[in-house]
Amino acid sequence: MKLDILLQKGYSKEQANEVVSWVSDNQKHFDELLKVFLTHKDFRIVQRAAWPLSYAAVNHPALIGKHYKKFVQQLNAPNQPAAVRRNILRIFDQLPNIPEAYHGVLMDSCFEYIADPEEAIATQAFALGILDKLTKLYPEILPELKTVVEVRLPNAAPAFRSRANKILKRK
């Protein structure tokens, strides 16, 4: 099965699952999908690669080991479609551990995303999850996180509100 053909099919959960199955735990296939995600000129193809890439990474975390830097660079690259940010943050949110070298840059990015009322709700929700996870390692960021959450909470969407309330319940 050729990746190009899979990504040209369209954008559906079934199609994404096909790509995830194709990748499985195969590093070469994962790297090929990541290359499309990072370099393809057609934003629709990038979006179609983003969702299965995030699921493949979460299902097989060892596949992203050599790619953390690329994910962080792509996350912070200008003019990225919302799907790129959302799916990169989904990966970091759902991984059990984030390499320490990327804690600071991820914290900065996540604080920016949750403070921006124009940012997509799913992006904000995943950013909250990452920051919540990092407060366990860096409890000194919890007051700042609570402040930002309290400011945003009155007008927040349900996905944001759900994660925010869990954070606010912590001491």
N, C-alpha and C. Protein backbone atom coordinates (compact mmCIF):
# COMPACT_ATOMS: atom_id res chain seq x y z
N MET A 1 0.84 -1.18 0.00
CA MET A 1 0.00 0.00 0.00
C MET A 1 0.89 1.25 0.00
N LYS A 2 0.69 2.11 -0.94
CA LYS A 2 1.49 3.33 -1.04
C LYS A 2 0.86 4.44 -0.21
N LEU A 3 1.70 5.14 0.52
CA LEU A 3 1.23 6.24 1.37
C LEU A 3 0.56 7.33 0.55
N ASP A 4 1.14 7.67 -0.59
CA ASP A 4 0.55 8.72 -1.44
C ASP A 4 -0.90 8.41 -1.77
N ILE A 5 -1.16 7.17 -2.12
CA ILE A 5 -2.52 6.76 -2.50
C ILE A 5 -3.45 6.88 -1.29
N LEU A 6 -2.98 6.43 -0.14
CA LEU A 6 -3.80 6.52 1.07
C LEU A 6 -4.16 7.96 1.41
N LEU A 7 -3.19 8.86 1.30
CA LEU A 7 -3.44 10.26 1.67
C LEU A 7 -4.23 11.02 0.62
N GLN A 8 -4.28 10.53 -0.59
CA GLN A 8 -5.08 11.16 -1.64
C GLN A 8 -6.56 10.79 -1.53
N LYS A 9 -6.86 9.71 -0.83
CA LYS A 9 -8.22 9.19 -0.75
C LYS A 9 -9.22 10.17 -0.16
N GLY A 10 -8.79 10.97 0.75
CA GLY A 10 -9.70 11.87 1.43
C GLY A 10 -9.37 11.93 2.90
N TYR A 11 -10.31 12.46 3.66
CA TYR A 11 -10.06 12.67 5.08
C TYR A 11 -11.20 12.07 5.88
N SER A 12 -10.95 10.91 6.44
CA SER A 12 -11.97 10.25 7.26
C SER A 12 -11.25 9.42 8.32
N LYS A 13 -12.01 9.02 9.31
CA LYS A 13 -11.43 8.18 10.36
C LYS A 13 -10.97 6.85 9.77
N GLU A 14 -11.76 6.33 8.85
CA GLU A 14 -11.39 5.06 8.20
C GLU A 14 -10.06 5.20 7.47
N GLN A 15 -9.90 6.28 6.74
CA GLN A 15 -8.67 6.52 6.00
C GLN A 15 -7.50 6.69 6.97
N ALA A 16 -7.70 7.43 8.05
CA ALA A 16 -6.64 7.62 9.05
C ALA A 16 -6.24 6.29 9.67
N ASN A 17 -7.23 5.45 9.97
CA ASN A 17 -6.93 4.13 10.54
C ASN A 17 -6.16 3.25 9.56
N GLU A 18 -6.45 3.39 8.27
CA GLU A 18 -5.69 2.65 7.26
C GLU A 18 -4.22 3.05 7.30
N VAL A 19 -3.97 4.34 7.40
CA VAL A 19 -2.59 4.82 7.45
C VAL A 19 -1.92 4.34 8.74
N VAL A 20 -2.62 4.40 9.86
CA VAL A 20 -2.06 3.94 11.14
C VAL A 20 -1.71 2.45 11.04
N SER A 21 -2.59 1.68 10.43
CA SER A 21 -2.31 0.25 10.24
C SER A 21 -1.10 0.04 9.34
N TRP A 22 -1.01 0.84 8.30
CA TRP A 22 0.13 0.74 7.38
C TRP A 22 1.44 1.04 8.13
N VAL A 23 1.42 2.06 8.98
CA VAL A 23 2.62 2.42 9.74
C VAL A 23 2.93 1.32 10.75
N SER A 24 1.91 0.89 11.52
CA SER A 24 2.07 -0.10 12.58
C SER A 24 3.26 0.31 13.45
N ASP A 25 4.20 -0.60 13.66
CA ASP A 25 5.39 -0.26 14.45
C ASP A 25 6.63 -0.23 13.56
N ASN A 26 6.42 0.11 12.29
CA ASN A 26 7.49 0.11 11.29
C ASN A 26 8.13 1.51 11.23
N GLN A 27 9.39 1.59 11.66
CA GLN A 27 10.08 2.88 11.69
C GLN A 27 10.18 3.51 10.31
N LYS A 28 10.45 2.71 9.29
CA LYS A 28 10.58 3.24 7.93
C LYS A 28 9.26 3.87 7.46
N HIS A 29 8.15 3.21 7.74
CA HIS A 29 6.84 3.75 7.36
C HIS A 29 6.53 5.02 8.15
N PHE A 30 6.84 5.00 9.44
CA PHE A 30 6.61 6.19 10.26
C PHE A 30 7.42 7.37 9.73
N ASP A 31 8.68 7.12 9.42
CA ASP A 31 9.54 8.18 8.90
C ASP A 31 9.02 8.73 7.58
N GLU A 32 8.47 7.86 6.75
CA GLU A 32 7.90 8.29 5.47
C GLU A 32 6.67 9.19 5.71
N LEU A 33 5.81 8.78 6.63
CA LEU A 33 4.64 9.59 6.97
C LEU A 33 5.07 10.93 7.56
N LEU A 34 6.06 10.91 8.43
CA LEU A 34 6.56 12.15 9.03
C LEU A 34 7.13 13.08 7.96
N LYS A 35 7.82 12.53 6.99
CA LYS A 35 8.38 13.35 5.91
C LYS A 35 7.26 14.07 5.15
N VAL A 36 6.17 13.36 4.86
CA VAL A 36 5.02 13.99 4.20
C VAL A 36 4.47 15.11 5.08
N PHE A 37 4.31 14.82 6.35
CA PHE A 37 3.78 15.78 7.32
C PHE A 37 4.64 17.04 7.39
N LEU A 38 5.94 16.88 7.33
CA LEU A 38 6.85 18.01 7.50
C LEU A 38 7.13 18.78 6.21
N THR A 39 7.01 18.13 5.06
CA THR A 39 7.52 18.77 3.85
C THR A 39 6.53 18.91 2.70
N HIS A 40 5.40 18.27 2.76
CA HIS A 40 4.48 18.32 1.61
C HIS A 40 3.98 19.75 1.40
N LYS A 41 3.85 20.13 0.16
CA LYS A 41 3.43 21.50 -0.17
C LYS A 41 1.92 21.70 -0.08
N ASP A 42 1.15 20.64 -0.23
CA ASP A 42 -0.32 20.73 -0.20
C ASP A 42 -0.79 20.61 1.25
N PHE A 43 -1.35 21.69 1.80
CA PHE A 43 -1.76 21.68 3.20
C PHE A 43 -2.81 20.60 3.48
N ARG A 44 -3.60 20.24 2.47
CA ARG A 44 -4.60 19.17 2.69
C ARG A 44 -3.93 17.83 2.94
N ILE A 45 -2.87 17.56 2.23
CA ILE A 45 -2.13 16.31 2.44
C ILE A 45 -1.45 16.34 3.80
N VAL A 46 -0.91 17.49 4.19
CA VAL A 46 -0.30 17.63 5.52
C VAL A 46 -1.35 17.35 6.59
N GLN A 47 -2.55 17.90 6.43
CA GLN A 47 -3.63 17.66 7.40
C GLN A 47 -4.01 16.18 7.43
N ARG A 48 -4.07 15.55 6.27
CA ARG A 48 -4.43 14.13 6.20
C ARG A 48 -3.35 13.25 6.81
N ALA A 49 -2.13 13.72 6.81
CA ALA A 49 -1.03 12.97 7.43
C ALA A 49 -0.98 13.19 8.94
N ALA A 50 -1.45 14.34 9.40
CA ALA A 50 -1.31 14.73 10.81
C ALA A 50 -2.04 13.80 11.76
N TRP A 51 -3.28 13.50 11.46
CA TRP A 51 -4.08 12.69 12.37
C TRP A 51 -3.50 11.28 12.53
N PRO A 52 -3.28 10.54 11.43
CA PRO A 52 -2.70 9.20 11.61
C PRO A 52 -1.29 9.24 12.20
N LEU A 53 -0.53 10.30 11.91
CA LEU A 53 0.80 10.42 12.50
C LEU A 53 0.71 10.47 14.02
N SER A 54 -0.24 11.25 14.52
CA SER A 54 -0.37 11.36 15.98
C SER A 54 -0.78 10.03 16.60
N TYR A 55 -1.70 9.32 15.96
CA TYR A 55 -2.12 8.03 16.50
C TYR A 55 -1.01 6.99 16.42
N ALA A 56 -0.26 6.99 15.33
CA ALA A 56 0.86 6.06 15.20
C ALA A 56 1.91 6.34 16.28
N ALA A 57 2.18 7.62 16.54
CA ALA A 57 3.17 7.99 17.55
C ALA A 57 2.71 7.58 18.95
N VAL A 58 1.44 7.78 19.24
CA VAL A 58 0.93 7.42 20.57
C VAL A 58 0.89 5.90 20.73
N ASN A 59 0.53 5.19 19.66
CA ASN A 59 0.48 3.72 19.72
C ASN A 59 1.87 3.10 19.83
N HIS A 60 2.86 3.75 19.25
CA HIS A 60 4.23 3.22 19.22
C HIS A 60 5.22 4.35 19.52
N PRO A 61 5.30 4.77 20.79
CA PRO A 61 6.12 5.93 21.16
C PRO A 61 7.59 5.80 20.77
N ALA A 62 8.09 4.59 20.66
CA ALA A 62 9.51 4.42 20.29
C ALA A 62 9.79 4.97 18.90
N LEU A 63 8.77 5.05 18.06
CA LEU A 63 8.97 5.53 16.69
C LEU A 63 9.34 7.02 16.63
N ILE A 64 8.98 7.78 17.64
CA ILE A 64 9.24 9.22 17.58
C ILE A 64 10.53 9.61 18.27
N GLY A 65 11.21 8.65 18.88
CA GLY A 65 12.41 8.94 19.66
C GLY A 65 13.40 9.87 19.00
N LYS A 66 13.69 9.65 17.73
CA LYS A 66 14.68 10.48 17.05
C LYS A 66 14.07 11.73 16.42
N HIS A 67 12.77 11.92 16.61
CA HIS A 67 12.07 13.01 15.92
C HIS A 67 11.52 14.10 16.83
N TYR A 68 11.76 14.06 18.12
CA TYR A 68 11.18 15.06 19.02
C TYR A 68 11.49 16.48 18.56
N LYS A 69 12.72 16.72 18.21
CA LYS A 69 13.13 18.07 17.80
C LYS A 69 12.32 18.54 16.59
N LYS A 70 12.10 17.65 15.63
CA LYS A 70 11.33 18.01 14.44
C LYS A 70 9.89 18.37 14.81
N PHE A 71 9.31 17.62 15.74
CA PHE A 71 7.94 17.92 16.16
C PHE A 71 7.86 19.29 16.82
N VAL A 72 8.80 19.59 17.69
CA VAL A 72 8.79 20.88 18.38
C VAL A 72 9.02 22.02 17.39
N GLN A 73 9.94 21.83 16.46
CA GLN A 73 10.18 22.86 15.45
C GLN A 73 8.93 23.10 14.60
N GLN A 74 8.25 22.03 14.21
CA GLN A 74 7.04 22.16 13.40
C GLN A 74 5.93 22.83 14.20
N LEU A 75 5.83 22.49 15.46
CA LEU A 75 4.82 23.09 16.33
C LEU A 75 4.97 24.60 16.37
N ASN A 76 6.20 25.07 16.40
CA ASN A 76 6.47 26.49 16.54
C ASN A 76 6.76 27.21 15.22
N ALA A 77 6.65 26.49 14.12
CA ALA A 77 6.87 27.12 12.81
C ALA A 77 5.69 28.05 12.50
N PRO A 78 5.96 29.17 11.84
CA PRO A 78 4.86 30.10 11.53
C PRO A 78 3.90 29.55 10.48
N ASN A 79 2.67 30.03 10.55
CA ASN A 79 1.64 29.73 9.56
C ASN A 79 1.30 28.25 9.41
N GLN A 80 1.32 27.53 10.51
CA GLN A 80 0.95 26.12 10.46
C GLN A 80 -0.57 25.99 10.52
N PRO A 81 -1.13 25.04 9.77
CA PRO A 81 -2.57 24.79 9.92
C PRO A 81 -2.88 24.31 11.34
N ALA A 82 -4.07 24.56 11.79
CA ALA A 82 -4.47 24.13 13.13
C ALA A 82 -4.28 22.63 13.33
N ALA A 83 -4.48 21.85 12.28
CA ALA A 83 -4.33 20.39 12.37
C ALA A 83 -2.90 20.00 12.76
N VAL A 84 -1.94 20.76 12.32
CA VAL A 84 -0.55 20.46 12.66
C VAL A 84 -0.33 20.66 14.16
N ARG A 85 -0.71 21.83 14.67
CA ARG A 85 -0.53 22.09 16.10
C ARG A 85 -1.32 21.09 16.94
N ARG A 86 -2.58 20.89 16.58
CA ARG A 86 -3.45 20.00 17.35
C ARG A 86 -2.86 18.59 17.46
N ASN A 87 -2.38 18.05 16.36
CA ASN A 87 -1.90 16.67 16.38
C ASN A 87 -0.53 16.52 17.01
N ILE A 88 0.31 17.53 16.89
CA ILE A 88 1.59 17.48 17.62
C ILE A 88 1.33 17.55 19.12
N LEU A 89 0.44 18.44 19.51
CA LEU A 89 0.12 18.54 20.94
C LEU A 89 -0.57 17.28 21.45
N ARG A 90 -1.39 16.65 20.61
CA ARG A 90 -2.02 15.37 21.01
C ARG A 90 -0.94 14.35 21.35
N ILE A 91 0.11 14.30 20.54
CA ILE A 91 1.20 13.35 20.80
C ILE A 91 1.81 13.62 22.17
N PHE A 92 2.23 14.87 22.40
CA PHE A 92 2.88 15.19 23.67
C PHE A 92 1.94 15.04 24.86
N ASP A 93 0.65 15.30 24.66
CA ASP A 93 -0.32 15.14 25.73
C ASP A 93 -0.48 13.67 26.11
N GLN A 94 -0.46 12.79 25.15
CA GLN A 94 -0.77 11.39 25.41
C GLN A 94 0.45 10.52 25.68
N LEU A 95 1.64 11.04 25.43
CA LEU A 95 2.84 10.26 25.75
C LEU A 95 3.05 10.25 27.26
N PRO A 96 3.51 9.12 27.79
CA PRO A 96 3.73 9.07 29.24
C PRO A 96 4.85 9.99 29.70
N ASN A 97 5.87 10.19 28.85
CA ASN A 97 7.00 11.03 29.22
C ASN A 97 7.40 11.91 28.06
N ILE A 98 7.74 13.14 28.38
CA ILE A 98 8.26 14.09 27.40
C ILE A 98 9.73 14.29 27.76
N PRO A 99 10.62 14.15 26.78
CA PRO A 99 12.04 14.36 27.10
C PRO A 99 12.28 15.74 27.72
N GLU A 100 13.09 15.76 28.74
CA GLU A 100 13.33 16.98 29.51
C GLU A 100 13.83 18.14 28.65
N ALA A 101 14.59 17.83 27.62
CA ALA A 101 15.15 18.88 26.76
C ALA A 101 14.07 19.75 26.12
N TYR A 102 12.84 19.25 26.05
CA TYR A 102 11.76 19.98 25.38
C TYR A 102 10.72 20.55 26.34
N HIS A 103 10.91 20.38 27.62
CA HIS A 103 9.95 20.88 28.59
C HIS A 103 9.75 22.39 28.48
N GLY A 104 10.83 23.14 28.46
CA GLY A 104 10.73 24.60 28.46
C GLY A 104 10.03 25.14 27.22
N VAL A 105 10.44 24.69 26.05
CA VAL A 105 9.83 25.19 24.82
C VAL A 105 8.37 24.77 24.72
N LEU A 106 8.04 23.58 25.18
CA LEU A 106 6.64 23.14 25.17
C LEU A 106 5.81 23.96 26.15
N MET A 107 6.37 24.24 27.33
CA MET A 107 5.64 25.07 28.29
C MET A 107 5.31 26.42 27.68
N ASP A 108 6.32 27.05 27.09
CA ASP A 108 6.11 28.37 26.48
C ASP A 108 5.02 28.31 25.40
N SER A 109 5.12 27.33 24.52
CA SER A 109 4.14 27.19 23.44
C SER A 109 2.75 26.96 24.00
N CYS A 110 2.64 26.06 24.96
CA CYS A 110 1.33 25.73 25.52
C CYS A 110 0.70 26.92 26.22
N PHE A 111 1.49 27.69 26.96
CA PHE A 111 0.94 28.88 27.59
C PHE A 111 0.43 29.86 26.54
N GLU A 112 1.16 30.01 25.43
CA GLU A 112 0.70 30.89 24.35
C GLU A 112 -0.63 30.41 23.78
N TYR A 113 -0.74 29.11 23.55
CA TYR A 113 -1.96 28.57 22.94
C TYR A 113 -3.18 28.73 23.86
N ILE A 114 -3.01 28.48 25.15
CA ILE A 114 -4.18 28.59 26.02
C ILE A 114 -4.55 30.04 26.30
N ALA A 115 -3.61 30.95 26.14
CA ALA A 115 -3.92 32.37 26.35
C ALA A 115 -4.56 33.01 25.13
N ASP A 116 -4.47 32.35 23.99
CA ASP A 116 -4.98 32.91 22.73
C ASP A 116 -6.43 32.48 22.50
N PRO A 117 -7.39 33.39 22.66
CA PRO A 117 -8.80 33.00 22.49
C PRO A 117 -9.14 32.60 21.06
N GLU A 118 -8.27 32.91 20.10
CA GLU A 118 -8.52 32.56 18.70
C GLU A 118 -7.99 31.16 18.35
N GLU A 119 -7.22 30.58 19.25
CA GLU A 119 -6.65 29.25 18.98
C GLU A 119 -7.75 28.20 19.05
N ALA A 120 -7.61 27.15 18.23
CA ALA A 120 -8.59 26.07 18.19
C ALA A 120 -8.73 25.42 19.57
N ILE A 121 -9.95 25.06 19.90
CA ILE A 121 -10.25 24.50 21.22
C ILE A 121 -9.48 23.21 21.48
N ALA A 122 -9.40 22.32 20.51
CA ALA A 122 -8.67 21.07 20.71
C ALA A 122 -7.20 21.34 21.00
N THR A 123 -6.63 22.31 20.31
CA THR A 123 -5.24 22.70 20.56
C THR A 123 -5.09 23.17 22.00
N GLN A 124 -6.00 23.99 22.45
CA GLN A 124 -5.95 24.49 23.82
C GLN A 124 -6.11 23.36 24.83
N ALA A 125 -7.02 22.44 24.56
CA ALA A 125 -7.25 21.33 25.49
C ALA A 125 -6.00 20.46 25.62
N PHE A 126 -5.36 20.15 24.49
CA PHE A 126 -4.13 19.35 24.55
C PHE A 126 -3.02 20.14 25.25
N ALA A 127 -2.94 21.44 25.00
CA ALA A 127 -1.94 22.27 25.67
C ALA A 127 -2.16 22.25 27.19
N LEU A 128 -3.41 22.32 27.62
CA LEU A 128 -3.71 22.23 29.06
C LEU A 128 -3.25 20.89 29.62
N GLY A 129 -3.49 19.82 28.88
CA GLY A 129 -3.07 18.49 29.33
C GLY A 129 -1.56 18.40 29.51
N ILE A 130 -0.83 18.98 28.56
CA ILE A 130 0.63 18.96 28.64
C ILE A 130 1.10 19.78 29.85
N LEU A 131 0.54 20.97 30.00
CA LEU A 131 0.94 21.80 31.14
C LEU A 131 0.58 21.15 32.46
N ASP A 132 -0.57 20.51 32.52
CA ASP A 132 -0.96 19.80 33.74
C ASP A 132 0.06 18.72 34.06
N LYS A 133 0.47 17.99 33.05
CA LYS A 133 1.49 16.94 33.24
C LYS A 133 2.80 17.55 33.72
N LEU A 134 3.18 18.68 33.15
CA LEU A 134 4.46 19.31 33.51
C LEU A 134 4.43 19.96 34.89
N THR A 135 3.24 20.30 35.40
CA THR A 135 3.18 20.86 36.76
C THR A 135 3.61 19.84 37.80
N LYS A 136 3.53 18.59 37.48
CA LYS A 136 3.98 17.55 38.42
C LYS A 136 5.50 17.57 38.56
N LEU A 137 6.18 17.99 37.49
CA LEU A 137 7.64 18.10 37.52
C LEU A 137 8.09 19.51 37.93
N TYR A 138 7.26 20.49 37.58
CA TYR A 138 7.59 21.90 37.84
C TYR A 138 6.40 22.56 38.55
N PRO A 139 6.22 22.27 39.84
CA PRO A 139 5.06 22.81 40.54
C PRO A 139 5.02 24.34 40.57
N GLU A 140 6.15 24.98 40.32
CA GLU A 140 6.18 26.44 40.34
C GLU A 140 5.38 27.07 39.19
N ILE A 141 5.03 26.29 38.16
CA ILE A 141 4.23 26.86 37.07
C ILE A 141 2.73 26.78 37.35
N LEU A 142 2.35 26.04 38.37
CA LEU A 142 0.93 25.86 38.67
C LEU A 142 0.21 27.19 38.94
N PRO A 143 0.76 28.13 39.72
CA PRO A 143 0.04 29.40 39.92
C PRO A 143 -0.21 30.16 38.62
N GLU A 144 0.78 30.20 37.74
CA GLU A 144 0.61 30.88 36.45
C GLU A 144 -0.46 30.17 35.61
N LEU A 145 -0.41 28.86 35.61
CA LEU A 145 -1.39 28.07 34.85
C LEU A 145 -2.80 28.34 35.39
N LYS A 146 -2.95 28.33 36.70
CA LYS A 146 -4.26 28.59 37.28
C LYS A 146 -4.76 29.98 36.93
N THR A 147 -3.87 30.96 36.93
CA THR A 147 -4.26 32.33 36.59
C THR A 147 -4.77 32.41 35.15
N VAL A 148 -4.04 31.84 34.22
CA VAL A 148 -4.46 31.87 32.81
C VAL A 148 -5.79 31.15 32.64
N VAL A 149 -5.93 30.02 33.31
CA VAL A 149 -7.16 29.22 33.21
C VAL A 149 -8.34 30.01 33.77
N GLU A 150 -8.16 30.65 34.91
CA GLU A 150 -9.25 31.42 35.52
C GLU A 150 -9.71 32.57 34.63
N VAL A 151 -8.76 33.20 33.94
CA VAL A 151 -9.10 34.29 33.03
C VAL A 151 -9.91 33.77 31.85
N ARG A 152 -9.54 32.63 31.32
CA ARG A 152 -10.19 32.09 30.13
C ARG A 152 -11.48 31.32 30.42
N LEU A 153 -11.64 30.83 31.64
CA LEU A 153 -12.74 29.92 31.97
C LEU A 153 -14.14 30.47 31.72
N PRO A 154 -14.45 31.72 32.04
CA PRO A 154 -15.84 32.18 31.86
C PRO A 154 -16.39 32.04 30.44
N ASN A 155 -15.54 32.18 29.44
CA ASN A 155 -16.00 32.11 28.05
C ASN A 155 -15.49 30.87 27.34
N ALA A 156 -15.04 29.89 28.09
CA ALA A 156 -14.39 28.72 27.50
C ALA A 156 -15.39 27.70 26.97
N ALA A 157 -14.92 26.97 25.96
CA ALA A 157 -15.69 25.86 25.39
C ALA A 157 -15.63 24.67 26.36
N PRO A 158 -16.56 23.72 26.22
CA PRO A 158 -16.59 22.57 27.15
C PRO A 158 -15.28 21.79 27.24
N ALA A 159 -14.59 21.57 26.14
CA ALA A 159 -13.34 20.80 26.19
C ALA A 159 -12.29 21.52 27.04
N PHE A 160 -12.22 22.82 26.89
CA PHE A 160 -11.29 23.63 27.69
C PHE A 160 -11.73 23.61 29.15
N ARG A 161 -13.01 23.84 29.36
CA ARG A 161 -13.56 23.91 30.72
C ARG A 161 -13.31 22.62 31.49
N SER A 162 -13.50 21.48 30.84
CA SER A 162 -13.32 20.18 31.50
C SER A 162 -11.88 20.02 32.02
N ARG A 163 -10.92 20.29 31.16
CA ARG A 163 -9.52 20.15 31.58
C ARG A 163 -9.14 21.24 32.58
N ALA A 164 -9.65 22.44 32.37
CA ALA A 164 -9.33 23.56 33.26
C ALA A 164 -9.82 23.30 34.67
N ASN A 165 -11.04 22.78 34.80
CA ASN A 165 -11.59 22.51 36.14
C ASN A 165 -10.76 21.47 36.88
N LYS A 166 -10.22 20.50 36.19
CA LYS A 166 -9.36 19.51 36.84
C LYS A 166 -8.09 20.17 37.38
N ILE A 167 -7.57 21.11 36.63
CA ILE A 167 -6.37 21.82 37.06
C ILE A 167 -6.67 22.70 38.28
N LEU A 168 -7.81 23.40 38.23
CA LEU A 168 -8.16 24.30 39.33
C LEU A 168 -8.45 23.56 40.63
N LYS A 169 -8.84 22.31 40.55
CA LYS A 169 -9.12 21.53 41.76
C LYS A 169 -7.84 21.13 42.49
N ARG A 170 -6.72 21.18 41.79
CA ARG A 170 -5.44 20.84 42.44
C ARG A 170 -5.02 21.97 43.36
N LYS A 171 -4.31 21.64 44.38
CA LYS A 171 -3.88 22.64 45.37
C LYS A 171 -2.87 23.59 44.80
